[in-house]
């Protein structure tokens, strides 16, 4: 039992809370009706708290020079990690709850009951301030009820106050269907509020040393088929835009007004420094470019993500319970994979992100196509974790999107799963691939020395050609690859490709290799103006 909240307790709370969210992740994801169908609140909370735990693990022992106590420093690390890793509305609001707690408790010599109650009240204020249009019957209502119950307990005993806060949150969660008609119609409670209750229960366990009885599972809502996944907002807006922003508080005030006119579900939160702070910006909008441009005007946006809600509902598994999960760089490449019935994961995913995608397919047998040598180990780790959950996963070690397209083209649900995986691996292996890019620095390659700005053609990951002109290098590498044989050339044009590049390469192939078929697509991948596959 604890009389005061120390740094070790903060660390245990974060780990215990994350474990509870992970256990109930699927259940929370199924609470999908605020105020339109939603399928990712549990996942967003898990990813947000995972980032918080990683921040704690990296720097818990180092004390700052600003007078903060060890427990205050731990809370600030936890809040900062949650802010940088926040996903979706629920994650952003949770990060602000943690920030409010950290702000209130950072300099306190000891954290007892009344101080924790006051900190929960400050966390509630921070959470409401983060949302442009607060709605009752949500995570906001639950944290407000927890704070009220903690204050009403009127005790300096830490155990009494944490128990009161958890009980107040649970009562508020049960009332959320009375506040939101969408929840009442579905017979479900608010998903974000459910996650917060699990976190407060974890805090009670850490403070009291008592293991609480596992909460009864809540009734999930029935998801209408092919609905878009979003946590909040009107279905009138098709995209979720989120980015981190380095900017002044004054610039963020203007940004909030501009984004408020573009869409809804606007949340901008951050830790403003004396001059420039880091902010997490989240909005639902139709004009993606305007939402990002507003951030550029305000400061320096980074870690930009754009999600189209129509793409969020994963493709249904094949009739025999199979599915494919594919990593994609570029909107065009993602659309190609989606058209093949695959679940698409953005580039450079974490193990958790891949595991979430595997579970979201609902399939018992899943093939994963990583499309990047650096992602293969992540995919293998995710596959091992999925096996523990009863999902059979095979990783086809594709190193390029063109190999994944070749593999998906030969899928055949009439075959045994193992035989199908072998066929996909053989098709991927038979597809040679090349990448064309510009050198970013001086280096010595197997093809000779290169300088910044030179055009490099890499075949199977090794530099084979160094040129001065993009088109000439593209046609030369295609010729070199077809010199070893081939019947089909696939071209994926990148975001930086000049207009007409694919057409000119196609014309060259048709002149020089008249019996070779050429397929060209807008891939939209960064850094590489052209990806080439030869089968």
Protein backbone atom coordinates (compact mmCIF):
# COMPACT_ATOMS: atom_id res chain seq x y z
CA UNK A 1 0.00 0.00 0.00
CA UNK A 2 1.18 3.51 -0.79
CA UNK A 3 0.71 6.70 1.19
CA UNK A 4 2.12 8.86 -1.58
CA UNK A 5 2.67 8.48 -5.33
CA UNK A 6 6.38 8.12 -6.10
CA UNK A 7 8.31 7.67 -9.35
CA UNK A 8 8.35 3.87 -9.09
CA UNK A 9 4.57 3.87 -8.65
CA UNK A 10 4.15 6.07 -11.75
CA UNK A 11 6.20 3.59 -13.72
CA UNK A 12 4.19 0.62 -12.41
CA UNK A 13 0.94 2.45 -13.17
CA UNK A 14 1.96 3.05 -16.77
CA UNK A 15 2.95 -0.58 -17.29
CA UNK A 16 -0.16 -1.94 -15.55
CA UNK A 17 -2.46 0.43 -17.40
CA UNK A 18 -0.93 -0.50 -20.75
CA UNK A 19 -1.33 -4.20 -19.98
CA UNK A 20 -5.01 -3.66 -19.10
CA UNK A 21 -5.65 -1.76 -22.32
CA UNK A 22 -3.94 -4.46 -24.34
CA UNK A 23 -6.11 -7.15 -22.73
CA UNK A 24 -9.26 -5.21 -23.56
CA UNK A 25 -8.10 -3.69 -26.84
CA UNK A 26 -10.42 -5.68 -29.09
CA UNK A 27 -13.36 -5.13 -26.78
CA UNK A 28 -12.84 -1.36 -26.81
CA UNK A 29 -12.37 -1.37 -30.58
CA UNK A 30 -15.80 -2.97 -30.87
CA UNK A 31 -17.43 -0.06 -29.03
CA UNK A 32 -17.80 1.61 -32.38
CA UNK A 33 -20.56 4.17 -32.24
CA UNK A 34 -19.35 7.61 -31.18
CA UNK A 35 -21.08 9.25 -32.87
CA UNK A 36 -20.63 7.29 -36.09
CA UNK A 37 -19.16 3.77 -36.32
CA UNK A 38 -15.69 3.63 -34.78
CA UNK A 39 -13.30 0.71 -34.77
CA UNK A 40 -9.97 1.88 -33.45
CA UNK A 41 -10.27 3.56 -30.04
CA UNK A 42 -8.72 0.64 -28.18
CA UNK A 43 -5.85 0.47 -30.62
CA UNK A 44 -5.25 4.21 -30.41
CA UNK A 45 -5.16 4.13 -26.61
CA UNK A 46 -2.74 1.20 -26.61
CA UNK A 47 -0.39 2.91 -29.05
CA UNK A 48 -0.55 6.18 -27.12
CA UNK A 49 0.27 4.57 -23.79
CA UNK A 50 2.95 2.41 -25.41
CA UNK A 51 4.71 5.61 -26.42
CA UNK A 52 4.35 6.89 -22.86
CA UNK A 53 5.90 3.73 -21.44
CA UNK A 54 8.78 3.92 -23.93
CA UNK A 55 9.50 7.50 -22.85
CA UNK A 56 9.59 6.37 -19.22
CA UNK A 57 11.85 3.43 -19.95
CA UNK A 58 14.35 5.59 -21.83
CA UNK A 59 14.85 8.35 -19.26
CA UNK A 60 13.34 7.56 -15.87
CA UNK A 61 16.59 7.85 -13.92
CA UNK A 62 17.66 11.25 -15.24
CA UNK A 63 16.40 14.23 -13.24
CA UNK A 64 16.00 17.61 -14.93
CA UNK A 65 17.51 20.77 -13.56
CA UNK A 66 14.18 22.58 -13.17
CA UNK A 67 13.39 21.57 -9.61
CA UNK A 68 10.90 18.81 -10.43
CA UNK A 69 10.64 15.89 -8.06
CA UNK A 70 11.37 12.32 -9.22
CA UNK A 71 7.66 11.52 -9.43
CA UNK A 72 7.03 14.82 -11.22
CA UNK A 73 9.74 14.07 -13.75
CA UNK A 74 8.30 10.60 -14.33
CA UNK A 75 4.83 12.05 -14.91
CA UNK A 76 6.22 14.62 -17.34
CA UNK A 77 8.03 11.89 -19.29
CA UNK A 78 4.84 9.84 -19.39
CA UNK A 79 2.80 12.82 -20.60
CA UNK A 80 5.41 13.84 -23.19
CA UNK A 81 5.62 10.30 -24.57
CA UNK A 82 1.84 10.11 -24.80
CA UNK A 83 1.70 13.43 -26.63
CA UNK A 84 4.26 12.40 -29.25
CA UNK A 85 2.66 9.00 -29.75
CA UNK A 86 -0.99 10.06 -29.52
CA UNK A 87 -3.28 8.39 -32.07
CA UNK A 88 -6.77 9.64 -32.83
CA UNK A 89 -9.03 11.76 -30.63
CA UNK A 90 -8.94 9.36 -27.70
CA UNK A 91 -5.14 9.23 -27.63
CA UNK A 92 -4.80 12.99 -27.88
CA UNK A 93 -7.27 13.58 -25.05
CA UNK A 94 -5.56 10.95 -22.89
CA UNK A 95 -2.23 12.70 -23.46
CA UNK A 96 -3.78 15.91 -22.14
CA UNK A 97 -5.17 14.18 -19.06
CA UNK A 98 -1.65 12.96 -18.32
CA UNK A 99 -0.24 16.43 -19.01
CA UNK A 100 -2.72 17.97 -16.57
CA UNK A 101 -1.68 15.48 -13.89
CA UNK A 102 1.99 16.19 -14.55
CA UNK A 103 1.55 19.96 -14.43
CA UNK A 104 -0.28 19.77 -11.11
CA UNK A 105 2.02 17.28 -9.41
CA UNK A 106 5.47 17.99 -10.88
CA UNK A 107 6.75 20.24 -8.09
CA UNK A 108 4.79 18.75 -5.17
CA UNK A 109 7.06 17.19 -2.52
CA UNK A 110 4.50 14.44 -1.82
CA UNK A 111 1.36 13.31 -3.65
CA UNK A 112 -1.44 12.45 -1.25
CA UNK A 113 -5.20 12.28 -1.62
CA UNK A 114 -6.28 15.92 -1.80
CA UNK A 115 -3.43 16.83 -4.11
CA UNK A 116 -4.30 13.95 -6.46
CA UNK A 117 -7.95 15.08 -6.47
CA UNK A 118 -6.88 18.63 -7.41
CA UNK A 119 -4.62 17.21 -10.12
CA UNK A 120 -7.51 15.22 -11.61
CA UNK A 121 -9.53 18.44 -11.72
CA UNK A 122 -6.69 20.15 -13.59
CA UNK A 123 -6.43 17.17 -15.93
CA UNK A 124 -10.14 17.50 -16.67
CA UNK A 125 -9.69 21.18 -17.53
CA UNK A 126 -6.79 20.33 -19.86
CA UNK A 127 -8.84 17.60 -21.56
CA UNK A 128 -11.84 19.86 -22.19
CA UNK A 129 -9.57 22.67 -23.44
CA UNK A 130 -8.06 20.29 -25.98
CA UNK A 131 -11.36 19.70 -27.79
CA UNK A 132 -12.80 22.44 -29.98
CA UNK A 133 -16.40 21.28 -29.38
CA UNK A 134 -16.62 19.14 -26.22
CA UNK A 135 -19.39 16.53 -26.22
CA UNK A 136 -20.79 14.92 -23.09
CA UNK A 137 -21.18 11.16 -22.93
CA UNK A 138 -17.55 10.69 -23.91
CA UNK A 139 -14.12 10.28 -22.36
CA UNK A 140 -14.47 13.91 -21.20
CA UNK A 141 -17.52 13.10 -19.08
CA UNK A 142 -15.75 10.14 -17.51
CA UNK A 143 -12.63 12.06 -16.47
CA UNK A 144 -14.79 14.91 -15.12
CA UNK A 145 -16.76 12.46 -12.98
CA UNK A 146 -13.57 10.87 -11.71
CA UNK A 147 -12.28 14.28 -10.64
CA UNK A 148 -15.55 15.22 -8.92
CA UNK A 149 -15.65 11.97 -6.98
CA UNK A 150 -12.03 12.40 -5.93
CA UNK A 151 -12.68 15.95 -4.66
CA UNK A 152 -15.88 14.89 -2.86
CA UNK A 153 -13.97 12.15 -1.04
CA UNK A 154 -12.31 15.03 0.88
CA UNK A 155 -9.48 12.89 2.18
CA UNK A 156 -5.71 12.99 2.23
CA UNK A 157 -5.62 9.19 2.16
CA UNK A 158 -4.32 8.26 -1.32
CA UNK A 159 -6.13 4.91 -1.34
CA UNK A 160 -9.49 6.48 -0.50
CA UNK A 161 -9.18 9.08 -3.26
CA UNK A 162 -8.02 6.68 -6.00
CA UNK A 163 -10.85 4.29 -5.19
CA UNK A 164 -13.34 7.18 -5.29
CA UNK A 165 -12.01 8.39 -8.64
CA UNK A 166 -12.25 4.93 -10.18
CA UNK A 167 -15.78 4.44 -8.85
CA UNK A 168 -16.85 7.86 -10.12
CA UNK A 169 -15.46 7.08 -13.56
CA UNK A 170 -17.24 3.71 -13.68
CA UNK A 171 -20.54 5.35 -12.77
CA UNK A 172 -20.09 8.01 -15.44
CA UNK A 173 -19.23 5.36 -18.03
CA UNK A 174 -22.48 3.54 -17.30
CA UNK A 175 -24.37 6.83 -17.88
CA UNK A 176 -22.79 7.64 -21.25
CA UNK A 177 -25.63 6.00 -23.24
CA UNK A 178 -28.03 8.45 -21.56
CA UNK A 179 -25.96 11.35 -22.89
CA UNK A 180 -25.31 10.23 -26.46
CA UNK A 181 -28.23 8.86 -28.50
CA UNK A 182 -25.86 6.93 -30.76
CA UNK A 183 -24.59 4.96 -27.76
CA UNK A 184 -28.13 4.32 -26.52
CA UNK A 185 -29.23 3.00 -29.91
CA UNK A 186 -26.29 0.63 -30.02
CA UNK A 187 -26.58 -0.45 -26.40
CA UNK A 188 -22.93 0.40 -25.76
CA UNK A 189 -20.87 2.68 -23.56
CA UNK A 190 -18.24 5.15 -24.73
CA UNK A 191 -15.02 3.48 -25.89
CA UNK A 192 -12.60 6.17 -24.71
CA UNK A 193 -14.30 6.31 -21.33
CA UNK A 194 -13.96 2.55 -21.02
CA UNK A 195 -10.23 2.88 -21.60
CA UNK A 196 -9.88 5.57 -18.92
CA UNK A 197 -11.73 3.37 -16.41
CA UNK A 198 -9.18 0.63 -17.03
CA UNK A 199 -6.34 3.09 -16.38
CA UNK A 200 -7.89 4.30 -13.13
CA UNK A 201 -8.47 0.70 -12.01
CA UNK A 202 -4.78 0.07 -12.70
CA UNK A 203 -3.89 3.07 -10.51
CA UNK A 204 -6.04 1.66 -7.67
CA UNK A 205 -4.17 -1.64 -7.90
CA UNK A 206 -0.79 0.11 -7.77
CA UNK A 207 -1.75 2.30 -4.80
CA UNK A 208 -3.63 -0.29 -2.72
CA UNK A 209 -1.71 -3.40 -3.70
CA UNK A 210 -5.04 -5.15 -4.20
CA UNK A 211 -5.94 -7.01 -7.38
CA UNK A 212 -9.34 -5.87 -8.51
CA UNK A 213 -11.89 -8.29 -9.87
CA UNK A 214 -11.67 -8.20 -13.68
CA UNK A 215 -14.39 -5.90 -15.06
CA UNK A 216 -17.21 -7.59 -16.86
CA UNK A 217 -16.97 -7.23 -20.64
CA UNK A 218 -19.23 -4.59 -22.07
CA UNK A 219 -21.67 -5.26 -24.86
CA UNK A 220 -20.22 -4.27 -28.23
CA UNK A 221 -22.33 -2.58 -30.81
CA UNK A 222 -23.12 -4.33 -34.04
CA UNK A 223 -21.06 -2.75 -36.82
CA UNK A 224 -22.96 -2.10 -40.03
CA UNK A 225 -21.14 -3.58 -43.02
CA UNK A 226 -18.55 -1.48 -44.87
CA UNK A 227 -18.75 1.48 -42.50
CA UNK A 228 -15.93 3.96 -42.16
CA UNK A 229 -13.96 3.93 -38.93
CA UNK A 230 -13.67 7.19 -37.06
CA UNK A 231 -13.76 8.14 -33.41
CA UNK A 232 -15.68 11.41 -33.68
CA UNK A 233 -17.20 13.83 -36.11
CA UNK A 234 -19.55 14.15 -39.00
CA UNK A 235 -19.47 11.71 -41.92
CA UNK A 236 -19.37 14.81 -44.14
CA UNK A 237 -15.56 14.84 -43.77
CA UNK A 238 -13.60 12.14 -45.55
CA UNK A 239 -10.08 12.45 -44.11
CA UNK A 240 -8.36 12.42 -40.73
CA UNK A 241 -5.28 14.68 -40.74
CA UNK A 242 -2.82 14.53 -37.85
CA UNK A 243 0.68 15.94 -37.37
CA UNK A 244 3.13 17.21 -34.81
CA UNK A 245 3.81 20.94 -35.05
CA UNK A 246 6.67 23.04 -33.72
CA UNK A 247 5.14 26.51 -33.33
CA UNK A 248 4.51 29.38 -30.96
CA UNK A 249 1.34 29.53 -28.89
CA UNK A 250 0.24 32.64 -30.79
CA UNK A 251 0.53 30.83 -34.12
CA UNK A 252 -1.46 27.89 -32.76
CA UNK A 253 -4.31 30.22 -31.77
CA UNK A 254 -4.57 31.32 -35.43
CA UNK A 255 -4.21 27.72 -36.63
CA UNK A 256 -7.08 26.58 -34.41
CA UNK A 257 -9.37 29.15 -36.05
CA UNK A 258 -8.28 28.18 -39.58
CA UNK A 259 -8.70 24.44 -39.05
CA UNK A 260 -12.01 24.97 -37.27
CA UNK A 261 -13.35 26.45 -40.51
CA UNK A 262 -12.09 23.49 -42.55
CA UNK A 263 -13.65 20.56 -40.68
CA UNK A 264 -14.55 19.07 -37.31
CA UNK A 265 -13.11 16.89 -34.53
CA UNK A 266 -10.42 19.53 -34.10
CA UNK A 267 -7.99 18.87 -31.26
CA UNK A 268 -4.73 20.80 -30.83
CA UNK A 269 -2.72 20.05 -27.73
CA UNK A 270 0.88 20.53 -26.73
CA UNK A 271 3.48 21.60 -24.24
CA UNK A 272 4.16 25.23 -25.10
CA UNK A 273 7.70 26.27 -24.35
CA UNK A 274 8.86 29.83 -23.66
CA UNK A 275 9.06 30.48 -27.40
CA UNK A 276 8.28 27.42 -29.54
CA UNK A 277 6.47 24.33 -28.27
CA UNK A 278 5.49 20.98 -29.76
CA UNK A 279 1.81 20.49 -30.51
CA UNK A 280 -0.25 17.51 -31.66
CA UNK A 281 -2.77 18.60 -34.31
CA UNK A 282 -5.80 16.47 -35.22
CA UNK A 283 -8.70 17.40 -37.52
CA UNK A 284 -11.25 15.76 -39.82
CA UNK A 285 -11.46 17.60 -43.15
CA UNK A 286 -12.07 17.24 -46.86
CA UNK A 287 -9.28 19.59 -48.01
CA UNK A 288 -6.17 17.76 -46.84
CA UNK A 289 -3.82 20.18 -48.56
CA UNK A 290 -5.34 23.20 -46.82
CA UNK A 291 -5.13 21.49 -43.42
CA UNK A 292 -1.43 20.75 -43.89
CA UNK A 293 -0.68 24.13 -45.48
CA UNK A 294 -2.18 25.85 -42.44
CA UNK A 295 0.33 23.95 -40.32
CA UNK A 296 3.20 25.03 -42.58
CA UNK A 297 2.15 28.66 -42.14
CA UNK A 298 1.93 28.23 -38.35
CA UNK A 299 5.28 26.50 -37.87
CA UNK A 300 7.06 23.25 -38.77
CA UNK A 301 4.76 20.26 -39.18
CA UNK A 302 6.27 16.76 -39.06
CA UNK A 303 5.15 13.13 -38.67
CA UNK A 304 2.19 13.96 -40.92
CA UNK A 305 -0.43 11.23 -41.33
CA UNK A 306 -3.53 11.32 -43.51
CA UNK A 307 -6.20 8.62 -43.25
CA UNK A 308 -9.14 8.26 -45.60
CA UNK A 309 -12.06 6.88 -43.60
CA UNK A 310 -13.35 4.92 -46.58
CA UNK A 311 -10.15 2.86 -46.45
CA UNK A 312 -10.31 2.15 -42.72
CA UNK A 313 -12.67 -0.80 -42.74
CA UNK A 314 -10.33 -3.68 -43.54
CA UNK A 315 -11.23 -5.91 -46.47
CA UNK A 316 -13.14 -8.99 -45.35
CA UNK A 317 -11.11 -12.17 -45.21
CA UNK A 318 -11.42 -14.62 -48.05
CA UNK A 319 -14.21 -17.21 -47.67
CA UNK A 320 -11.84 -19.74 -46.14
CA UNK A 321 -10.66 -17.28 -43.48
CA UNK A 322 -7.49 -15.99 -45.13
CA UNK A 323 -6.21 -12.44 -45.48
CA UNK A 324 -3.13 -10.51 -46.56
CA UNK A 325 -1.45 -7.61 -44.75
CA UNK A 326 0.85 -5.47 -46.87
CA UNK A 327 3.17 -2.58 -45.97
CA UNK A 328 2.90 0.31 -48.44
CA UNK A 329 4.72 3.59 -49.09
CA UNK A 330 2.66 5.97 -51.20
CA UNK A 331 -1.06 6.45 -51.75
CA UNK A 332 -1.04 4.90 -55.21
CA UNK A 333 0.70 1.76 -54.03
CA UNK A 334 -1.75 1.48 -51.14
CA UNK A 335 -4.67 1.68 -53.59
CA UNK A 336 -3.16 -1.08 -55.73
CA UNK A 337 -2.84 -3.38 -52.73
CA UNK A 338 -6.30 -2.47 -51.52
CA UNK A 339 -7.72 -3.39 -54.92
CA UNK A 340 -6.12 -6.82 -54.46
CA UNK A 341 -8.09 -7.26 -51.24
CA UNK A 342 -5.17 -6.68 -48.88
CA UNK A 343 -5.12 -4.78 -45.59
CA UNK A 344 -2.61 -1.95 -45.99
CA UNK A 345 -0.24 -0.72 -43.26
CA UNK A 346 1.75 2.53 -43.71
CA UNK A 347 5.51 2.38 -44.17
CA UNK A 348 7.92 1.66 -41.32
CA UNK A 349 5.33 0.13 -38.98
CA UNK A 350 6.00 -0.99 -35.43
CA UNK A 351 5.46 -4.56 -34.34
CA UNK A 352 2.29 -3.44 -32.58
CA UNK A 353 0.96 -1.76 -35.71
CA UNK A 354 1.50 -4.89 -37.80
CA UNK A 355 0.00 -7.10 -35.10
CA UNK A 356 -3.03 -4.81 -34.91
CA UNK A 357 -3.48 -5.07 -38.67
CA UNK A 358 -3.24 -8.86 -38.54
CA UNK A 359 -5.87 -9.05 -35.81
CA UNK A 360 -8.10 -6.51 -37.55
CA UNK A 361 -8.47 -8.78 -40.58
CA UNK A 362 -10.47 -11.22 -38.47
CA UNK A 363 -8.82 -14.06 -40.41
CA UNK A 364 -7.37 -17.24 -38.95
CA UNK A 365 -4.58 -17.42 -41.55
CA UNK A 366 -2.73 -14.33 -42.70
CA UNK A 367 0.17 -13.69 -45.05
CA UNK A 368 2.30 -10.61 -44.42
CA UNK A 369 4.26 -8.83 -47.18
CA UNK A 370 6.77 -6.37 -45.61
CA UNK A 371 8.15 -4.87 -48.88
CA UNK A 372 11.29 -3.57 -47.21
CA UNK A 373 14.31 -5.43 -45.78
CA UNK A 374 14.16 -3.21 -42.68
CA UNK A 375 10.57 -4.29 -41.97
CA UNK A 376 11.11 -8.04 -42.29
CA UNK A 377 12.26 -8.54 -38.71
CA UNK A 378 9.31 -6.47 -37.46
CA UNK A 379 6.97 -8.62 -39.54
CA UNK A 380 8.50 -11.82 -38.18
CA UNK A 381 8.11 -10.59 -34.60
CA UNK A 382 4.48 -9.64 -35.25
CA UNK A 383 3.89 -13.08 -36.76
CA UNK A 384 5.24 -14.78 -33.62
CA UNK A 385 3.00 -12.65 -31.42
CA UNK A 386 0.00 -13.43 -33.61
CA UNK A 387 0.67 -17.16 -33.26
CA UNK A 388 0.27 -16.78 -29.50
CA UNK A 389 -3.17 -15.31 -30.18
CA UNK A 390 -4.17 -18.27 -32.30
CA UNK A 391 -3.62 -16.65 -35.73
CA UNK A 392 -1.44 -18.52 -38.21
CA UNK A 393 0.81 -16.00 -39.97
CA UNK A 394 3.37 -16.52 -42.73
CA UNK A 395 5.76 -13.79 -43.85
CA UNK A 396 6.67 -13.71 -47.53
CA UNK A 397 9.98 -11.77 -47.49
CA UNK A 398 9.20 -9.24 -50.21
CA UNK A 399 11.75 -6.45 -50.50
CA UNK A 400 9.86 -4.17 -52.90
CA UNK A 401 6.21 -3.33 -53.66
CA UNK A 402 6.59 -4.79 -57.17
CA UNK A 403 7.38 -8.17 -55.61
CA UNK A 404 4.24 -7.92 -53.46
CA UNK A 405 2.12 -7.20 -56.53
CA UNK A 406 3.55 -10.32 -58.17
CA UNK A 407 2.82 -12.37 -55.05
CA UNK A 408 -0.76 -11.14 -54.68
CA UNK A 409 -1.46 -11.86 -58.35
CA UNK A 410 -1.02 -15.62 -57.84
CA UNK A 411 -3.12 -16.00 -54.68
CA UNK A 412 -5.54 -18.88 -54.98
CA UNK A 413 -7.93 -19.67 -52.11
CA UNK A 414 -8.61 -23.10 -53.60
CA UNK A 415 -5.09 -24.18 -52.60
CA UNK A 416 -4.02 -25.15 -49.11
CA UNK A 417 -2.79 -22.11 -47.21
CA UNK A 418 0.75 -23.48 -47.02
CA UNK A 419 0.84 -24.17 -50.77
CA UNK A 420 -0.54 -20.72 -51.50
CA UNK A 421 2.21 -19.12 -49.40
CA UNK A 422 4.83 -21.11 -51.30
CA UNK A 423 3.36 -19.99 -54.63
CA UNK A 424 3.37 -16.36 -53.50
CA UNK A 425 6.97 -16.62 -52.31
CA UNK A 426 8.01 -18.16 -55.62
CA UNK A 427 6.26 -15.39 -57.59
CA UNK A 428 7.91 -12.72 -55.45
CA UNK A 429 11.32 -14.34 -55.83
CA UNK A 430 10.91 -14.52 -59.61
CA UNK A 431 10.30 -10.77 -59.77
CA UNK A 432 13.56 -8.84 -59.99
CA UNK A 433 13.30 -5.28 -58.77
CA UNK A 434 15.12 -1.99 -59.21
CA UNK A 435 14.91 1.46 -57.62
CA UNK A 436 15.94 4.75 -59.19
CA UNK A 437 16.77 7.72 -56.95
CA UNK A 438 19.08 10.70 -56.59
CA UNK A 439 22.25 10.39 -54.51
CA UNK A 440 22.03 12.43 -51.30
CA UNK A 441 25.76 12.40 -50.52
CA UNK A 442 29.16 11.49 -51.88
CA UNK A 443 29.93 7.78 -51.66
CA UNK A 444 31.88 4.93 -53.20
CA UNK A 445 29.55 2.25 -54.63
CA UNK A 446 30.12 -1.01 -56.46
CA UNK A 447 29.40 0.93 -59.67
CA UNK A 448 31.96 3.61 -58.82
CA UNK A 449 31.97 6.91 -56.92
CA UNK A 450 28.84 9.07 -56.85
CA UNK A 451 28.20 12.68 -55.90
CA UNK A 452 25.13 14.40 -54.49
CA UNK A 453 22.50 14.78 -57.19
CA UNK A 454 23.71 11.86 -59.33
CA UNK A 455 21.01 9.46 -60.48
CA UNK A 456 21.45 5.99 -58.99
CA UNK A 457 19.86 2.79 -60.26
CA UNK A 458 19.84 0.02 -57.67
CA UNK A 459 19.07 -3.56 -58.71
CA UNK A 460 18.19 -5.92 -55.85
CA UNK A 461 19.55 -3.33 -53.42
CA UNK A 462 22.97 -2.79 -55.07
CA UNK A 463 23.95 0.25 -57.14
CA UNK A 464 24.37 -0.89 -60.76
CA UNK A 465 24.30 2.40 -62.64
CA UNK A 466 25.24 6.01 -61.94
CA UNK A 467 23.89 8.56 -64.36
CA UNK A 468 23.36 12.27 -64.89
CA UNK A 469 19.83 12.20 -66.38
CA UNK A 470 16.84 10.53 -64.77
CA UNK A 471 15.15 9.25 -67.94
CA UNK A 472 18.38 7.88 -69.43
CA UNK A 473 19.19 6.03 -66.20
CA UNK A 474 15.66 4.61 -65.97
CA UNK A 475 15.73 3.24 -69.50
CA UNK A 476 19.26 1.90 -69.03
CA UNK A 477 18.36 -0.06 -65.90
CA UNK A 478 15.27 -1.52 -67.59
CA UNK A 479 17.44 -2.62 -70.51
CA UNK A 480 19.94 -4.21 -68.15
CA UNK A 481 17.21 -6.12 -66.32
CA UNK A 482 15.50 -7.31 -69.52
CA UNK A 483 18.86 -8.46 -70.85
CA UNK A 484 18.52 -11.36 -68.42
CA UNK A 485 15.04 -12.21 -69.72
CA UNK A 486 11.56 -11.10 -68.81
CA UNK A 487 8.00 -10.92 -70.10
CA UNK A 488 6.37 -8.28 -67.89
CA UNK A 489 7.69 -4.93 -66.69
CA UNK A 490 5.92 -3.09 -63.87
CA UNK A 491 6.64 0.62 -63.36
CA UNK A 492 5.65 2.51 -60.18
CA UNK A 493 6.13 6.28 -60.47
CA UNK A 494 7.02 8.12 -57.28
CA UNK A 495 5.84 11.40 -55.83
CA UNK A 496 8.93 13.19 -57.19
CA UNK A 497 8.75 11.73 -60.70
CA UNK A 498 8.50 14.31 -63.51
CA UNK A 499 5.36 14.26 -65.62
CA UNK A 500 5.46 11.68 -68.40
CA UNK A 501 8.34 9.62 -66.99
CA UNK A 502 6.41 6.33 -67.08
CA UNK A 503 5.10 7.01 -70.60
CA UNK A 504 8.59 7.66 -71.93
CA UNK A 505 10.01 4.54 -70.30
CA UNK A 506 7.07 2.54 -71.69
CA UNK A 507 7.72 3.90 -75.20
CA UNK A 508 11.37 2.90 -74.91
CA UNK A 509 10.46 -0.65 -73.90
CA UNK A 510 7.92 -0.96 -76.72
CA UNK A 511 10.58 0.10 -79.24
CA UNK A 512 13.46 -1.93 -77.86
CA UNK A 513 11.62 -4.96 -76.46
CA UNK A 514 8.48 -5.39 -78.58
CA UNK A 515 7.39 -8.68 -77.01
CA UNK A 516 7.49 -7.40 -73.43
CA UNK A 517 4.30 -6.19 -71.72
CA UNK A 518 4.49 -2.98 -69.65
CA UNK A 519 2.20 -1.98 -66.79
CA UNK A 520 2.62 1.51 -65.29
CA UNK A 521 0.99 2.97 -62.18
CA UNK A 522 1.21 6.10 -60.05
CA UNK A 523 2.77 4.76 -56.88
CA UNK A 524 3.29 8.01 -55.00
CA UNK A 525 6.27 6.62 -53.03
CA UNK A 526 8.75 9.15 -51.63
CA UNK A 527 12.47 9.35 -52.52
CA UNK A 528 12.30 6.97 -55.52
CA UNK A 529 10.97 8.53 -58.76
CA UNK A 530 10.70 5.03 -60.26
CA UNK A 531 10.40 1.46 -59.01
CA UNK A 532 10.80 -1.29 -61.60
CA UNK A 533 9.77 -4.93 -61.50
CA UNK A 534 10.64 -7.53 -64.15
CA UNK A 535 8.93 -10.91 -64.21
